């Protein structure tokens, strides 16, 4: 792989393609392919590739893009026509991440390009190789070849979002303004009224008369809505209204007539409405008959519903009673068990007695204040006296031995004695203490004799 980089010429110029899979850095061989690199860089400066998709994907072969139409049929170069191929003997399709121009035939290069996804020697001297993907961005470029593909067309195509020229090897490039944006201004053209050429018709005089009549009618009803009464010559239809219109307008009405009308309206409004007449026997009979009909119609259904409701209420009440009874029984059983346990346990009795004694003592304690302080000082004085009296009584040795743990006052006269850890200068061999250890030699004749072994002399 290192040989490839040694054989390839040095690059000059760099462009950043921002795509949906990430950034892709591309470097160019501008000296070896100047016409192709100039075309690609100028299109990038003009934003020609912005929002264009990669419309063709061949797995492990190429990824093609650069067509504004998105189907592989569009694209144009900056020269206004297809330009010639530029081949170089040191530029070869030997690896992935190479950038080349796409064409349909020889010397037919426009704006479409492709990236290689692997070594493609069959494309040598057929397509112009003019750049390469650099750095870790090659992994973003390889993502373009992933995804669902049907007949070399991706189902969800990736696209170029934006292009940035990082290093321009052609400082004389002047980008064109709005060269690829087709401004489509929709101008509504006003339709001119058609003019009849009466000279071409054999019945021109009659047509002229009809035309004059129609123009008159149009001028007459200009700005007014036409109805069927005006258009159709039907005797059944009339444009006149049925209600007679008053000749006088509102302004022409006399004020005296207006006052009289107002008074009449006020009188009618103040009149109380007549009460409704009482119901007659016939009406009552009708109502009863209606009620009887309804009763007979819905009697069975109402009775069934009532019975069901009563049964449900009875069941609910019985369930409540059973629940309360069971709850009371459970509570009684629990209380009985607790009482039995309390009676059986002797430890609980002892605890209860001790608890009662301490509780009674607690009741004797005075509340916080001067009395409480005096009480504590009296208790302290009693304890001191008890301690002095216990020291004055010196128990004998026999009493010390007989002191049990249960004797509560024994600790008052107890003396604390520590173990004597002074160094011992000499030990008496005749006295054996806990620190004494026995020296046993199995070869000693005394030990042999004790074990019942014969000495060497007895063997002879």
Protein backbone atom coordinates (compact mmCIF):
# COMPACT_ATOMS: atom_id res chain seq x y z
CA UNK A 1 0.00 0.00 0.00
CA UNK A 2 2.88 2.36 0.71
CA UNK A 3 4.09 1.85 -2.89
CA UNK A 4 0.79 3.28 -4.11
CA UNK A 5 1.32 6.53 -2.24
CA UNK A 6 4.88 6.75 -3.57
CA UNK A 7 3.73 6.31 -7.18
CA UNK A 8 0.83 8.77 -6.89
CA UNK A 9 1.71 12.46 -7.51
CA UNK A 10 1.36 15.16 -4.87
CA UNK A 11 -2.06 16.70 -4.38
CA UNK A 12 -2.97 20.41 -4.44
CA UNK A 13 -6.36 21.74 -3.45
CA UNK A 14 -8.91 20.53 -0.90
CA UNK A 15 -12.71 20.51 -0.63
CA UNK A 16 -14.98 19.51 2.28
CA UNK A 17 -18.24 17.75 1.39
CA UNK A 18 -20.83 17.88 4.21
CA UNK A 19 -23.14 14.90 3.69
CA UNK A 20 -25.84 13.09 5.62
CA UNK A 21 -23.28 10.43 6.62
CA UNK A 22 -20.71 12.96 7.85
CA UNK A 23 -17.90 15.11 6.47
CA UNK A 24 -15.78 13.89 3.54
CA UNK A 25 -12.40 15.56 2.81
CA UNK A 26 -11.29 15.41 -0.84
CA UNK A 27 -7.88 16.38 -2.21
CA UNK A 28 -7.16 16.93 -5.94
CA UNK A 29 -4.43 16.32 -8.49
CA UNK A 30 -4.83 19.76 -10.00
CA UNK A 31 -1.54 19.68 -11.98
CA UNK A 32 -2.32 16.37 -13.66
CA UNK A 33 -6.03 17.06 -14.32
CA UNK A 34 -6.43 20.87 -14.36
CA UNK A 35 -9.60 21.07 -16.48
CA UNK A 36 -11.53 18.52 -14.39
CA UNK A 37 -10.39 19.97 -11.04
CA UNK A 38 -11.28 23.51 -12.14
CA UNK A 39 -14.74 22.33 -13.15
CA UNK A 40 -15.37 20.50 -9.83
CA UNK A 41 -14.00 23.30 -7.59
CA UNK A 42 -15.94 26.06 -9.37
CA UNK A 43 -19.18 24.05 -9.10
CA UNK A 44 -18.48 23.66 -5.36
CA UNK A 45 -17.91 27.41 -5.00
CA UNK A 46 -21.20 28.11 -6.77
CA UNK A 47 -23.10 25.64 -4.51
CA UNK A 48 -24.06 23.49 -7.50
CA UNK A 49 -23.83 20.24 -5.50
CA UNK A 50 -25.82 21.48 -2.50
CA UNK A 51 -28.81 19.21 -1.68
CA UNK A 52 -27.97 16.78 -4.50
CA UNK A 53 -28.34 13.05 -3.82
CA UNK A 54 -26.13 10.05 -4.53
CA UNK A 55 -28.52 8.49 -7.04
CA UNK A 56 -26.54 5.35 -7.92
CA UNK A 57 -24.96 2.75 -5.64
CA UNK A 58 -23.20 -0.42 -6.79
CA UNK A 59 -22.13 -2.54 -3.83
CA UNK A 60 -18.33 -2.82 -3.43
CA UNK A 61 -17.86 -0.88 -6.68
CA UNK A 62 -18.90 2.81 -6.86
CA UNK A 63 -21.20 5.50 -5.40
CA UNK A 64 -22.31 8.08 -7.97
CA UNK A 65 -23.70 11.58 -7.46
CA UNK A 66 -23.52 15.19 -8.66
CA UNK A 67 -26.76 15.21 -10.69
CA UNK A 68 -29.21 18.00 -9.76
CA UNK A 69 -32.05 16.00 -11.36
CA UNK A 70 -31.30 13.02 -9.12
CA UNK A 71 -31.73 10.35 -11.82
CA UNK A 72 -28.40 10.38 -13.69
CA UNK A 73 -29.68 12.31 -16.72
CA UNK A 74 -28.75 15.88 -15.75
CA UNK A 75 -25.71 17.95 -14.94
CA UNK A 76 -23.57 20.41 -16.87
CA UNK A 77 -20.01 21.63 -16.72
CA UNK A 78 -18.79 25.19 -16.20
CA UNK A 79 -17.67 25.29 -19.84
CA UNK A 80 -21.25 25.06 -21.13
CA UNK A 81 -20.56 21.78 -22.93
CA UNK A 82 -19.00 18.37 -22.12
CA UNK A 83 -15.21 18.51 -21.82
CA UNK A 84 -12.52 15.98 -22.70
CA UNK A 85 -11.11 13.21 -20.49
CA UNK A 86 -7.77 13.72 -18.73
CA UNK A 87 -5.82 10.50 -18.18
CA UNK A 88 -2.46 10.22 -16.41
CA UNK A 89 -0.22 7.18 -16.19
CA UNK A 90 0.47 7.67 -12.44
CA UNK A 91 -3.23 7.88 -11.54
CA UNK A 92 -4.80 4.42 -11.40
CA UNK A 93 -7.98 2.83 -9.96
CA UNK A 94 -6.16 0.55 -7.51
CA UNK A 95 -8.01 1.18 -4.21
CA UNK A 96 -11.06 2.60 -2.51
CA UNK A 97 -11.70 6.29 -1.80
CA UNK A 98 -10.81 7.63 -5.27
CA UNK A 99 -12.81 10.43 -6.96
CA UNK A 100 -13.49 10.30 -10.71
CA UNK A 101 -15.81 11.82 -13.31
CA UNK A 102 -18.85 9.87 -14.53
CA UNK A 103 -19.59 9.85 -18.27
CA UNK A 104 -21.71 7.96 -20.74
CA UNK A 105 -19.07 7.88 -23.49
CA UNK A 106 -15.67 9.25 -24.37
CA UNK A 107 -15.10 12.99 -23.71
CA UNK A 108 -18.60 13.40 -22.23
CA UNK A 109 -17.85 14.87 -18.79
CA UNK A 110 -20.28 17.20 -17.05
CA UNK A 111 -20.93 17.53 -13.31
CA UNK A 112 -21.52 13.92 -12.23
CA UNK A 113 -18.78 12.12 -10.27
CA UNK A 114 -18.32 8.89 -8.30
CA UNK A 115 -16.32 7.45 -5.38
CA UNK A 116 -14.73 4.00 -5.63
CA UNK A 117 -15.56 1.44 -2.92
CA UNK A 118 -12.68 -0.86 -3.90
CA UNK A 119 -10.10 -1.48 -6.64
CA UNK A 120 -11.68 -0.94 -10.08
CA UNK A 121 -9.03 -1.57 -12.78
CA UNK A 122 -11.74 -1.97 -15.47
CA UNK A 123 -12.37 1.80 -15.27
CA UNK A 124 -8.78 2.68 -16.20
CA UNK A 125 -8.52 5.07 -19.19
CA UNK A 126 -12.33 5.30 -19.36
CA UNK A 127 -13.02 7.81 -16.57
CA UNK A 128 -10.94 10.79 -15.44
CA UNK A 129 -9.44 10.17 -11.98
CA UNK A 130 -8.79 13.57 -10.37
CA UNK A 131 -9.04 13.27 -6.55
CA UNK A 132 -9.00 11.09 -3.42
CA UNK A 133 -10.65 10.95 0.02
CA UNK A 134 -8.21 11.64 2.86
CA UNK A 135 -8.04 10.93 6.59
CA UNK A 136 -10.66 9.18 8.67
CA UNK A 137 -13.42 10.67 6.51
CA UNK A 138 -13.01 7.67 4.21
CA UNK A 139 -15.12 5.69 6.69
CA UNK A 140 -17.93 8.21 6.24
CA UNK A 141 -17.61 7.79 2.48
CA UNK A 142 -17.90 4.00 2.81
CA UNK A 143 -21.25 4.47 4.60
CA UNK A 144 -22.64 5.78 1.32
CA UNK A 145 -22.49 2.22 -0.05
CA UNK A 146 -24.57 0.81 2.81
CA UNK A 147 -28.34 0.54 2.95
CA UNK A 148 -31.10 -0.90 0.79
CA UNK A 149 -30.51 -0.82 -2.97
CA UNK A 150 -32.93 -1.77 -5.77
CA UNK A 151 -31.59 -1.89 -9.36
CA UNK A 152 -28.53 0.20 -8.40
CA UNK A 153 -30.76 2.90 -6.90
CA UNK A 154 -30.80 3.42 -3.12
CA UNK A 155 -34.19 3.26 -1.39
CA UNK A 156 -33.16 5.99 1.08
CA UNK A 157 -30.49 7.99 -0.78
CA UNK A 158 -27.88 10.06 1.03
CA UNK A 159 -27.19 13.59 -0.14
CA UNK A 160 -24.66 16.42 -0.06
CA UNK A 161 -25.81 19.13 2.31
CA UNK A 162 -23.11 21.70 1.59
CA UNK A 163 -19.65 22.06 0.02
CA UNK A 164 -16.72 24.15 1.27
CA UNK A 165 -13.49 24.86 -0.63
CA UNK A 166 -10.70 24.73 1.96
CA UNK A 167 -7.77 25.18 -0.44
CA UNK A 168 -8.31 26.57 -3.94
CA UNK A 169 -5.43 25.85 -6.34
CA UNK A 170 -7.05 28.13 -8.96
CA UNK A 171 -7.21 31.67 -7.50
CA UNK A 172 -8.50 33.08 -10.81
CA UNK A 173 -11.85 31.23 -10.54
CA UNK A 174 -14.80 33.61 -10.52
CA UNK A 175 -18.05 31.84 -9.56
CA UNK A 176 -21.10 32.56 -11.68
CA UNK A 177 -24.19 34.00 -9.97
CA UNK A 178 -27.37 31.87 -9.89
CA UNK A 179 -26.28 29.84 -12.88
CA UNK A 180 -28.07 26.66 -11.83
CA UNK A 181 -31.11 28.21 -10.14
CA UNK A 182 -33.99 28.35 -12.59
CA UNK A 183 -36.13 31.22 -11.37
CA UNK A 184 -39.70 30.36 -12.30
CA UNK A 185 -41.83 33.45 -11.81
CA UNK A 186 -45.45 32.53 -12.44
CA UNK A 187 -47.04 35.53 -14.10
CA UNK A 188 -50.76 35.35 -14.59
CA UNK A 189 -51.49 36.47 -18.07
CA UNK A 190 -54.73 38.38 -18.39
CA UNK A 191 -56.94 36.73 -20.97
CA UNK A 192 -58.08 39.22 -23.58
CA UNK A 193 -61.72 38.95 -24.67
CA UNK A 194 -62.02 37.14 -27.96
CA UNK A 195 -62.83 39.27 -30.99
CA UNK A 196 -64.83 37.66 -33.73
CA UNK A 197 -63.61 38.10 -37.24
CA UNK A 198 -66.92 38.62 -39.02
CA UNK A 199 -65.26 38.83 -42.42
CA UNK A 200 -64.51 35.11 -42.36
CA UNK A 201 -68.15 34.15 -41.78
CA UNK A 202 -70.78 33.95 -44.47
CA UNK A 203 -73.46 35.23 -42.05
CA UNK A 204 -71.50 38.20 -40.75
CA UNK A 205 -74.38 40.70 -40.57
CA UNK A 206 -76.50 38.47 -38.30
CA UNK A 207 -73.52 37.81 -36.03
CA UNK A 208 -72.85 41.54 -35.72
CA UNK A 209 -76.43 42.17 -34.61
CA UNK A 210 -76.23 39.37 -31.97
CA UNK A 211 -72.93 40.75 -30.73
CA UNK A 212 -74.33 44.27 -30.35
CA UNK A 213 -77.36 42.95 -28.42
CA UNK A 214 -75.19 40.93 -26.03
CA UNK A 215 -72.92 43.91 -25.32
CA UNK A 216 -75.96 46.05 -24.51
CA UNK A 217 -77.27 43.44 -22.08
CA UNK A 218 -73.85 43.15 -20.44
CA UNK A 219 -73.61 46.90 -19.95
CA UNK A 220 -77.12 46.93 -18.52
CA UNK A 221 -76.43 44.25 -15.90
CA UNK A 222 -72.81 45.21 -15.24
CA UNK A 223 -72.08 44.79 -11.50
CA UNK A 224 -75.48 43.13 -10.88
CA UNK A 225 -76.27 39.49 -10.40
CA UNK A 226 -78.47 37.91 -13.09
CA UNK A 227 -81.26 35.50 -12.27
CA UNK A 228 -83.25 33.01 -14.34
CA UNK A 229 -86.11 35.58 -14.55
CA UNK A 230 -83.84 37.87 -16.55
CA UNK A 231 -82.11 35.27 -18.71
CA UNK A 232 -84.93 32.84 -19.59
CA UNK A 233 -88.06 33.82 -21.50
CA UNK A 234 -90.40 31.69 -19.38
CA UNK A 235 -93.98 32.97 -18.78
CA UNK A 236 -94.14 31.11 -15.47
CA UNK A 237 -91.21 33.13 -14.09
CA UNK A 238 -91.50 36.80 -13.24
CA UNK A 239 -88.95 39.23 -11.93
CA UNK A 240 -91.55 41.16 -9.87
CA UNK A 241 -91.96 40.32 -6.18
CA UNK A 242 -95.29 39.11 -4.78
CA UNK A 243 -95.35 41.57 -1.85
CA UNK A 244 -96.35 45.06 -2.83
CA UNK A 245 -93.65 47.58 -2.18
CA UNK A 246 -94.61 50.73 -0.37
CA UNK A 247 -94.25 53.85 -2.37
CA UNK A 248 -93.25 55.88 0.59
CA UNK A 249 -89.84 55.41 2.10
CA UNK A 250 -89.09 55.42 5.80
CA UNK A 251 -88.11 59.03 5.73
CA UNK A 252 -91.45 60.02 4.14
CA UNK A 253 -93.64 58.41 6.92
CA UNK A 254 -95.54 60.91 9.10
CA UNK A 255 -94.42 61.19 12.74
CA UNK A 256 -98.06 60.98 13.92
CA UNK A 257 -98.46 57.54 12.33
CA UNK A 258 -95.23 56.38 13.99
CA UNK A 259 -96.49 57.48 17.43
CA UNK A 260 -99.78 55.62 16.95
CA UNK A 261 -97.97 52.43 15.97
CA UNK A 262 -95.73 52.64 19.03
CA UNK A 263 -98.72 53.13 21.34
CA UNK A 264 -100.49 50.08 19.90
CA UNK A 265 -97.39 47.95 20.45
CA UNK A 266 -97.09 49.11 24.07
CA UNK A 267 -100.75 48.30 24.78
CA UNK A 268 -100.42 44.78 23.39
CA UNK A 269 -97.24 44.17 25.44
CA UNK A 270 -98.92 45.27 28.74
CA UNK A 271 -101.89 42.97 28.25
CA UNK A 272 -101.63 39.90 30.46
CA UNK A 273 -101.92 36.54 28.76
CA UNK A 274 -105.17 34.72 29.43
CA UNK A 275 -104.88 31.74 31.80
CA UNK A 276 -105.30 28.34 30.25
CA UNK A 277 -108.76 26.78 30.72
CA UNK A 278 -109.05 24.01 33.33
CA UNK A 279 -108.80 20.49 32.00
CA UNK A 280 -112.11 18.94 31.10
CA UNK A 281 -113.32 15.43 31.83
CA UNK A 282 -112.50 14.39 28.30
CA UNK A 283 -108.89 15.49 28.67
CA UNK A 284 -108.55 13.63 31.98
CA UNK A 285 -109.97 10.51 30.41
CA UNK A 286 -107.46 10.82 27.58
CA UNK A 287 -104.58 11.16 30.06
CA UNK A 288 -105.78 8.16 32.06
CA UNK A 289 -106.08 6.09 28.94
CA UNK A 290 -102.54 7.02 27.94
CA UNK A 291 -101.21 6.12 31.41
CA UNK A 292 -103.09 2.79 31.32
CA UNK A 293 -101.60 2.00 27.95
CA UNK A 294 -98.11 2.79 29.20
CA UNK A 295 -98.72 0.76 32.37
CA UNK A 296 -99.84 -2.26 30.45
CA UNK A 297 -97.01 -1.99 28.02
CA UNK A 298 -94.16 -1.73 30.59
CA UNK A 299 -95.68 -3.45 33.60
CA UNK A 300 -93.78 -6.76 33.31
CA UNK A 301 -90.46 -5.12 32.65
CA UNK A 302 -90.77 -2.72 35.62
CA UNK A 303 -91.78 -5.52 37.98
CA UNK A 304 -88.80 -7.64 36.95
CA UNK A 305 -86.42 -4.73 37.45
CA UNK A 306 -87.84 -4.02 40.92
CA UNK A 307 -87.49 -7.65 41.95
CA UNK A 308 -83.91 -7.75 40.76
CA UNK A 309 -83.06 -4.56 42.65
CA UNK A 310 -84.61 -5.89 45.86
CA UNK A 311 -82.70 -9.17 45.56
CA UNK A 312 -79.44 -7.31 45.02
CA UNK A 313 -80.09 -5.09 48.05
CA UNK A 314 -80.82 -8.12 50.25
CA UNK A 315 -77.62 -9.83 49.09
CA UNK A 316 -75.58 -6.71 49.87
CA UNK A 317 -77.07 -6.44 53.35
CA UNK A 318 -76.45 -10.13 54.08
CA UNK A 319 -72.85 -9.82 52.89
CA UNK A 320 -72.31 -6.79 55.14
CA UNK A 321 -73.69 -8.66 58.17
CA UNK A 322 -71.49 -11.71 57.47
CA UNK A 323 -68.45 -9.47 57.08
CA UNK A 324 -69.07 -7.70 60.41
CA UNK A 325 -69.65 -11.03 62.20
CA UNK A 326 -66.44 -12.53 60.82
CA UNK A 327 -64.50 -9.42 61.76
CA UNK A 328 -65.80 -9.52 65.35
CA UNK A 329 -64.97 -13.20 65.66
CA UNK A 330 -61.43 -12.61 64.43
CA UNK A 331 -60.93 -9.74 66.88
CA UNK A 332 -62.23 -11.88 69.77
CA UNK A 333 -59.94 -14.77 68.82
CA UNK A 334 -56.93 -12.43 68.68
CA UNK A 335 -57.69 -10.93 72.10
CA UNK A 336 -58.10 -14.39 73.63
CA UNK A 337 -54.81 -15.59 72.20
CA UNK A 338 -53.03 -12.52 73.55
CA UNK A 339 -54.53 -13.05 76.99
CA UNK A 340 -53.53 -16.72 77.04
CA UNK A 341 -49.99 -15.88 76.01
CA UNK A 342 -49.75 -13.23 78.72
CA UNK A 343 -50.92 -15.66 81.36
CA UNK A 344 -48.63 -18.47 80.23
CA UNK A 345 -45.42 -16.45 79.94
CA UNK A 346 -43.73 -15.99 83.35
CA UNK A 347 -41.12 -13.71 81.89
CA UNK A 348 -43.81 -11.32 80.86
CA UNK A 349 -45.15 -11.32 84.41
CA UNK A 350 -41.73 -10.44 85.79
CA UNK A 351 -41.29 -7.77 83.18
CA UNK A 352 -44.70 -6.37 84.01
CA UNK A 353 -43.93 -6.19 87.72
CA UNK A 354 -40.62 -4.46 87.13
CA UNK A 355 -42.24 -2.08 84.69
CA UNK A 356 -44.90 -1.18 87.27
CA UNK A 357 -42.32 -0.50 89.98
CA UNK A 358 -40.32 1.82 87.74
CA UNK A 359 -43.50 3.48 86.61
CA UNK A 360 -44.53 4.13 90.20
CA UNK A 361 -41.07 5.55 90.98
CA UNK A 362 -41.31 7.79 87.97
CA UNK A 363 -44.52 9.24 89.36
CA UNK A 364 -42.68 10.26 92.54
CA UNK A 365 -40.15 12.35 90.61
CA UNK A 366 -40.86 16.05 90.81
CA UNK A 367 -41.24 18.16 87.69
CA UNK A 368 -38.45 20.26 86.23
CA UNK A 369 -37.36 23.20 88.33
CA UNK A 370 -35.79 23.92 91.71
CA UNK A 371 -37.55 20.95 93.34
CA UNK A 372 -36.10 18.53 90.76
CA UNK A 373 -32.56 19.76 91.40
CA UNK A 374 -32.95 19.37 95.16
CA UNK A 375 -34.28 15.85 94.71
CA UNK A 376 -31.26 14.77 92.62
CA UNK A 377 -28.83 16.25 95.19
CA UNK A 378 -30.55 14.28 97.99
CA UNK A 379 -30.23 11.07 95.98
CA UNK A 380 -26.52 11.77 95.44
CA UNK A 381 -25.99 12.30 99.17
CA UNK A 382 -27.74 9.02 100.00
CA UNK A 383 -25.50 7.20 97.53
CA UNK A 384 -22.37 8.68 99.12
CA UNK A 385 -23.45 7.56 102.59
CA UNK A 386 -24.18 4.09 101.33
CA UNK A 387 -20.75 3.90 99.71
CA UNK A 388 -18.93 4.99 102.92
CA UNK A 389 -20.84 2.49 105.04
CA UNK A 390 -19.91 -0.32 102.65
CA UNK A 391 -16.20 0.58 102.86
CA UNK A 392 -16.22 0.62 106.64
CA UNK A 393 -17.43 -3.01 106.71
CA UNK A 394 -14.37 -4.98 105.66
CA UNK A 395 -15.45 -8.49 104.75
CA UNK A 396 -13.39 -11.49 105.76
CA UNK A 397 -11.82 -13.94 103.33
CA UNK A 398 -14.67 -16.44 103.82
CA UNK A 399 -17.23 -13.75 103.05
CA UNK A 400 -15.30 -12.75 99.92
CA UNK A 401 -15.42 -16.34 98.68
CA UNK A 402 -19.11 -16.63 99.43
CA UNK A 403 -19.94 -13.39 97.58
CA UNK A 404 -22.20 -14.25 94.71
CA UNK A 405 -22.93 -12.31 91.60
CA UNK A 406 -26.48 -11.72 92.83
CA UNK A 407 -25.24 -9.71 95.81
CA UNK A 408 -25.99 -6.15 94.70
CA UNK A 409 -23.92 -4.40 97.42
CA UNK A 410 -20.76 -6.50 96.96
CA UNK A 411 -19.35 -4.24 94.30
CA UNK A 412 -19.40 -1.28 96.67
CA UNK A 413 -16.64 -2.75 98.88
CA UNK A 414 -14.76 -4.47 96.05
CA UNK A 415 -11.09 -3.64 95.51
CA UNK A 416 -9.53 -3.49 92.07
CA UNK A 417 -6.29 -5.51 91.89
CA UNK A 418 -4.20 -5.74 88.74
CA UNK A 419 -1.93 -8.65 87.75
CA UNK A 420 1.68 -8.35 88.86
CA UNK A 421 3.77 -8.04 85.71
CA UNK A 422 7.14 -7.31 87.42
CA UNK A 423 10.15 -9.17 85.92
CA UNK A 424 11.17 -12.39 87.77
CA UNK A 425 14.88 -12.54 88.55
CA UNK A 426 15.10 -16.21 89.55
CA UNK A 427 12.71 -19.18 89.68
CA UNK A 428 12.67 -22.07 92.10
CA UNK A 429 12.92 -25.36 90.24
CA UNK A 430 10.99 -27.25 92.92
CA UNK A 431 7.88 -25.07 92.57
CA UNK A 432 5.83 -25.58 89.44
CA UNK A 433 3.58 -22.82 88.24
CA UNK A 434 1.45 -22.42 85.16
CA UNK A 435 4.52 -21.18 83.31
CA UNK A 436 6.43 -24.40 84.07
CA UNK A 437 7.23 -26.62 81.09
CA UNK A 438 8.44 -30.25 81.20
CA UNK A 439 11.69 -31.33 79.57
CA UNK A 440 11.42 -34.89 78.24
CA UNK A 441 14.39 -36.74 76.75
CA UNK A 442 13.48 -40.13 75.24
CA UNK A 443 17.14 -41.27 75.33
CA UNK A 444 17.44 -40.83 79.06
CA UNK A 445 17.89 -44.32 80.74
CA UNK A 446 15.19 -43.45 83.31
CA UNK A 447 12.70 -42.72 80.60
CA UNK A 448 13.70 -45.89 78.77
CA UNK A 449 13.22 -47.92 81.89
CA UNK A 450 9.78 -46.41 82.39
CA UNK A 451 8.84 -47.37 78.88
CA UNK A 452 9.97 -50.95 79.61
CA UNK A 453 12.87 -51.02 77.22
CA UNK A 454 15.97 -53.13 78.05
CA UNK A 455 19.32 -51.50 78.29
CA UNK A 456 22.34 -52.58 76.30
CA UNK A 457 23.88 -54.53 79.24
CA UNK A 458 20.90 -56.81 79.68
CA UNK A 459 21.12 -57.72 75.97
CA UNK A 460 24.72 -58.94 76.43
